[in-house]
Structures are given as C-alpha cells and as structure tokens.
C-alpha atoms as a PDB file:
ATOM      1  CA  MET A   1     -49.580 -35.744  12.885  1.00  0.00           C
ATOM      2  CA  ALA A   2     -47.678 -33.594  10.449  1.00  0.00           C
ATOM      3  CA  ASP A   3     -43.902 -33.751  10.121  1.00  0.00           C
ATOM      4  CA  TYR A   4     -43.627 -29.972  10.420  1.00  0.00           C
ATOM      5  CA  ILE A   5     -44.032 -28.558  13.923  1.00  0.00           C
ATOM      6  CA  PRO A   6     -44.222 -24.755  13.922  1.00  0.00           C
ATOM      7  CA  LYS A   7     -41.879 -22.930  16.276  1.00  0.00           C
ATOM      8  CA  ASP A   8     -42.860 -19.724  18.081  1.00  0.00           C
ATOM      9  CA  GLY A   9     -40.781 -17.572  15.733  1.00  0.00           C
ATOM     10  CA  THR A  10     -40.243 -13.825  15.702  1.00  0.00           C
ATOM     11  CA  LEU A  11     -42.782 -11.031  15.619  1.00  0.00           C
ATOM     12  CA  ASP A  12     -41.898  -8.504  12.947  1.00  0.00           C
ATOM     13  CA  ILE A  13     -43.596  -6.241  10.436  1.00  0.00           C
ATOM     14  CA  SER A  14     -42.539  -4.173   7.443  1.00  0.00           C
ATOM     15  CA  LYS A  15     -40.940  -0.772   7.959  1.00  0.00           C
ATOM     16  CA  GLU A  16     -44.042   0.736   6.366  1.00  0.00           C
ATOM     17  CA  ALA A  17     -46.381  -0.943   8.855  1.00  0.00           C
ATOM     18  CA  HIS A  18     -44.013  -0.175  11.749  1.00  0.00           C
ATOM     19  CA  THR A  19     -44.040   3.544  10.904  1.00  0.00           C
ATOM     20  CA  PHE A  20     -47.842   3.481  10.940  1.00  0.00           C
ATOM     21  CA  LEU A  21     -47.839   1.525  14.216  1.00  0.00           C
ATOM     22  CA  GLU A  22     -45.705   4.245  15.803  1.00  0.00           C
ATOM     23  CA  GLU A  23     -48.137   6.900  14.566  1.00  0.00           C
ATOM     24  CA  LEU A  24     -50.925   5.139  16.449  1.00  0.00           C
ATOM     25  CA  GLU A  25     -49.068   5.319  19.753  1.00  0.00           C
ATOM     26  CA  LEU A  26     -49.692   8.316  21.962  1.00  0.00           C
ATOM     27  CA  ASN A  27     -46.661  10.535  22.255  1.00  0.00           C
ATOM     28  CA  PRO A  28     -47.298  12.896  25.177  1.00  0.00           C
ATOM     29  CA  LYS A  29     -44.342  15.067  24.140  1.00  0.00           C
ATOM     30  CA  LYS A  30     -46.177  15.914  20.922  1.00  0.00           C
ATOM     31  CA  GLU A  31     -49.425  16.525  22.796  1.00  0.00           C
ATOM     32  CA  GLU A  32     -51.374  14.864  20.017  1.00  0.00           C
ATOM     33  CA  TYR A  33     -54.763  13.568  20.979  1.00  0.00           C
ATOM     34  CA  ASP A  34     -57.136  12.104  18.445  1.00  0.00           C
ATOM     35  CA  GLN A  35     -59.384   9.083  18.035  1.00  0.00           C
ATOM     36  CA  LEU A  36     -56.457   6.716  17.477  1.00  0.00           C
ATOM     37  CA  LYS A  37     -54.207   7.739  20.333  1.00  0.00           C
ATOM     38  CA  PHE A  38     -56.054   5.490  22.775  1.00  0.00           C
ATOM     39  CA  PHE A  39     -53.180   3.012  22.871  1.00  0.00           C
ATOM     40  CA  GLY A  40     -51.064   5.022  25.287  1.00  0.00           C
ATOM     41  CA  VAL A  41     -47.303   5.024  25.409  1.00  0.00           C
ATOM     42  CA  ASN A  42     -45.312   1.886  24.551  1.00  0.00           C
ATOM     43  CA  LYS A  43     -48.311  -0.195  23.531  1.00  0.00           C
ATOM     44  CA  LYS A  44     -46.828  -1.706  20.374  1.00  0.00           C
ATOM     45  CA  ASN A  45     -47.970  -5.212  21.350  1.00  0.00           C
ATOM     46  CA  ASP A  46     -51.580  -4.020  21.604  1.00  0.00           C
ATOM     47  CA  ILE A  47     -51.405  -2.272  18.236  1.00  0.00           C
ATOM     48  CA  PHE A  48     -49.754  -5.365  16.746  1.00  0.00           C
ATOM     49  CA  LYS A  49     -52.649  -7.473  18.108  1.00  0.00           C
ATOM     50  CA  LEU A  50     -55.176  -5.048  16.581  1.00  0.00           C
ATOM     51  CA  GLY A  51     -53.401  -5.348  13.226  1.00  0.00           C
ATOM     52  CA  PHE A  52     -53.395  -9.140  13.519  1.00  0.00           C
ATOM     53  CA  SER A  53     -57.117  -9.154  14.354  1.00  0.00           C
ATOM     54  CA  ILE A  54     -57.967  -6.997  11.346  1.00  0.00           C
ATOM     55  CA  GLY A  55     -55.811  -9.111   9.051  1.00  0.00           C
ATOM     56  CA  TYR A  56     -57.036 -12.453  10.355  1.00  0.00           C
ATOM     57  CA  VAL A  57     -60.756 -11.671  10.610  1.00  0.00           C
ATOM     58  CA  ASN A  58     -60.785 -10.125   7.136  1.00  0.00           C
ATOM     59  CA  ASN A  59     -58.641 -12.982   5.781  1.00  0.00           C
ATOM     60  CA  LEU A  60     -56.329 -10.428   4.177  1.00  0.00           C
ATOM     61  CA  GLU A  61     -53.760 -11.678   1.722  1.00  0.00           C
ATOM     62  CA  PHE A  62     -50.214 -11.079   2.796  1.00  0.00           C
ATOM     63  CA  VAL A  63     -46.854 -11.108   1.088  1.00  0.00           C
ATOM     64  CA  ASP A  64     -43.616 -12.318   2.564  1.00  0.00           C
ATOM     65  CA  ASN A  65     -41.326  -9.293   2.560  1.00  0.00           C
ATOM     66  CA  GLU A  66     -37.569  -9.608   2.693  1.00  0.00           C
ATOM     67  CA  ALA A  67     -36.230  -9.982   6.220  1.00  0.00           C
ATOM     68  CA  SER A  68     -33.992  -6.935   5.717  1.00  0.00           C
ATOM     69  CA  SER A  69     -37.024  -4.679   5.306  1.00  0.00           C
ATOM     70  CA  ARG A  70     -38.720  -5.868   8.498  1.00  0.00           C
ATOM     71  CA  MET A  71     -38.652  -4.493  12.039  1.00  0.00           C
ATOM     72  CA  THR A  72     -39.146  -6.622  15.121  1.00  0.00           C
ATOM     73  CA  ILE A  73     -41.802  -6.140  17.763  1.00  0.00           C
ATOM     74  CA  ALA A  74     -40.613  -6.925  21.292  1.00  0.00           C
ATOM     75  CA  PRO A  75     -42.865  -9.804  22.350  1.00  0.00           C
ATOM     76  CA  ARG A  76     -42.805  -9.120  26.095  1.00  0.00           C
ATOM     77  CA  GLY A  77     -45.964 -10.599  27.528  1.00  0.00           C
ATOM     78  CA  PHE A  78     -46.970 -12.090  24.181  1.00  0.00           C
ATOM     79  CA  ILE A  79     -48.325 -15.583  24.767  1.00  0.00           C
ATOM     80  CA  TYR A  80     -47.815 -17.607  21.602  1.00  0.00           C
ATOM     81  CA  ASN A  81     -49.767 -20.616  22.886  1.00  0.00           C
ATOM     82  CA  GLU A  82     -52.991 -18.610  22.931  1.00  0.00           C
ATOM     83  CA  TYR A  83     -52.610 -18.155  19.177  1.00  0.00           C
ATOM     84  CA  ARG A  84     -51.170 -21.597  18.507  1.00  0.00           C
ATOM     85  CA  THR A  85     -54.541 -23.178  19.312  1.00  0.00           C
ATOM     86  CA  PHE A  86     -56.157 -21.726  16.200  1.00  0.00           C
ATOM     87  CA  LEU A  87     -53.142 -20.932  13.972  1.00  0.00           C
ATOM     88  CA  GLU A  88     -51.177 -24.155  14.199  1.00  0.00           C
ATOM     89  CA  GLU A  89     -52.920 -25.965  11.356  1.00  0.00           C
ATOM     90  CA  GLU A  90     -52.486 -23.009   8.999  1.00  0.00           C
ATOM     91  CA  ALA A  91     -48.848 -22.627  10.109  1.00  0.00           C
ATOM     92  CA  ILE A  92     -48.259 -26.294   9.277  1.00  0.00           C
ATOM     93  CA  GLN A  93     -49.887 -25.925   5.852  1.00  0.00           C
ATOM     94  CA  ARG A  94     -47.855 -22.806   5.060  1.00  0.00           C
ATOM     95  CA  LYS A  95     -44.704 -24.177   6.758  1.00  0.00           C
ATOM     96  CA  MET A  96     -44.399 -20.998   8.812  1.00  0.00           C
ATOM     97  CA  SER A  97     -43.701 -20.293  12.459  1.00  0.00           C
ATOM     98  CA  ILE A  98     -46.569 -19.079  14.644  1.00  0.00           C
ATOM     99  CA  GLY A  99     -44.786 -15.722  14.955  1.00  0.00           C
ATOM    100  CA  GLY A 100     -44.336 -15.542  11.198  1.00  0.00           C
ATOM    101  CA  LEU A 101     -48.024 -16.137  10.612  1.00  0.00           C
ATOM    102  CA  LEU A 102     -49.016 -13.665  13.333  1.00  0.00           C
ATOM    103  CA  SER A 103     -46.665 -11.110  11.784  1.00  0.00           C
ATOM    104  CA  ALA A 104     -47.980 -11.626   8.274  1.00  0.00           C
ATOM    105  CA  TYR A 105     -51.581 -11.066   9.339  1.00  0.00           C
ATOM    106  CA  ALA A 106     -50.603  -8.110  11.571  1.00  0.00           C
ATOM    107  CA  ASN A 107     -48.673  -6.478   8.745  1.00  0.00           C
ATOM    108  CA  ALA A 108     -51.585  -6.886   6.315  1.00  0.00           C
ATOM    109  CA  GLY A 109     -54.063  -5.657   8.937  1.00  0.00           C
ATOM    110  CA  LEU A 110     -52.041  -2.561   9.862  1.00  0.00           C
ATOM    111  CA  LEU A 111     -51.594  -1.577   6.223  1.00  0.00           C
ATOM    112  CA  HIS A 112     -55.304  -2.141   5.632  1.00  0.00           C
ATOM    113  CA  LEU A 113     -56.134   0.055   8.642  1.00  0.00           C
ATOM    114  CA  ARG A 114     -53.747   2.740   7.413  1.00  0.00           C
ATOM    115  CA  ASP A 115     -55.352   2.772   3.951  1.00  0.00           C
ATOM    116  CA  HIS A 116     -58.835   2.771   5.481  1.00  0.00           C
ATOM    117  CA  LEU A 117     -58.058   5.777   7.685  1.00  0.00           C
ATOM    118  CA  SER A 118     -56.241   7.678   4.956  1.00  0.00           C
ATOM    119  CA  SER A 119     -59.364   7.412   2.797  1.00  0.00           C
ATOM    120  CA  GLY A 120     -61.167   9.497   5.420  1.00  0.00           C
ATOM    121  CA  LYS A 121     -63.083   6.675   7.090  1.00  0.00           C
ATOM    122  CA  SER A 122     -63.187   6.163  10.841  1.00  0.00           C
ATOM    123  CA  ILE A 123     -61.799   3.225  12.767  1.00  0.00           C
ATOM    124  CA  ILE A 124     -65.348   2.403  13.907  1.00  0.00           C
ATOM    125  CA  GLU A 125     -66.410   1.869  10.275  1.00  0.00           C
ATOM    126  CA  LEU A 126     -63.705  -0.774   9.924  1.00  0.00           C
ATOM    127  CA  LEU A 127     -64.523  -2.558  13.158  1.00  0.00           C
END
C-alpha cells in the first residue's frame, strides 16, 4: 500500500472553464434555447461531470492552474467514492486529491468542449 492516501479534496475549475460552464446552463430569464441548454437551471454538477467525462475518456492533458484563478463547484450530491474506485491509483501516482484530479480532467474537458463547439462542430460529433 502506498504511503500517500488521497483525500476527497475540492472541486474547482479555471475561471475560463467556469464561464463556459455557466453558458451551458439554461437561463430562463434570457429565454435562450439551443442544443446545449439541456442541463436546466443550477445543474453545474452535471456539466462538471460531462467535462470530467470528456477529459478522462479522451485522456486530455491538463495543467495545474494557480489556486487564485480557480472557482469552486459546490459538490452537493457529489459522491467522491464512486470516482475513487477508478481514480485512486492515478491520484496516488500524481500525489493529488480525488477532487483535484476530477477537477483537472473536468477543466480540460470543458475547455476541449468549448473549443470543439466554437469551431462549428456539434456536441454529438464530440460524443
């Protein structure tokens, strides 16, 4: 067993990724409806999970941004243990918390999704 035991940690992403995450949320006051507004109101955890999935499945490289340039995601209902089962070994190797690793992949995935969509491609093409 390794000496390092990863803690749950904090869920956070860069300001850049957070701005994009907010754009994906439906804002009924703006009456904007398009292919990406299927997340509904206050669904940041779901969008975060989508970003993580894109980042993890595509094995996207991520950079560790300064903590001052990061914004937290409220982890209500986020069950770390479900991710610990397959992230723990990587977290030990990288000496990161589970939340830190989740955040790094989510950040990379959200920025990848943003770039993909801004190039005129659909979300279905990415998935």
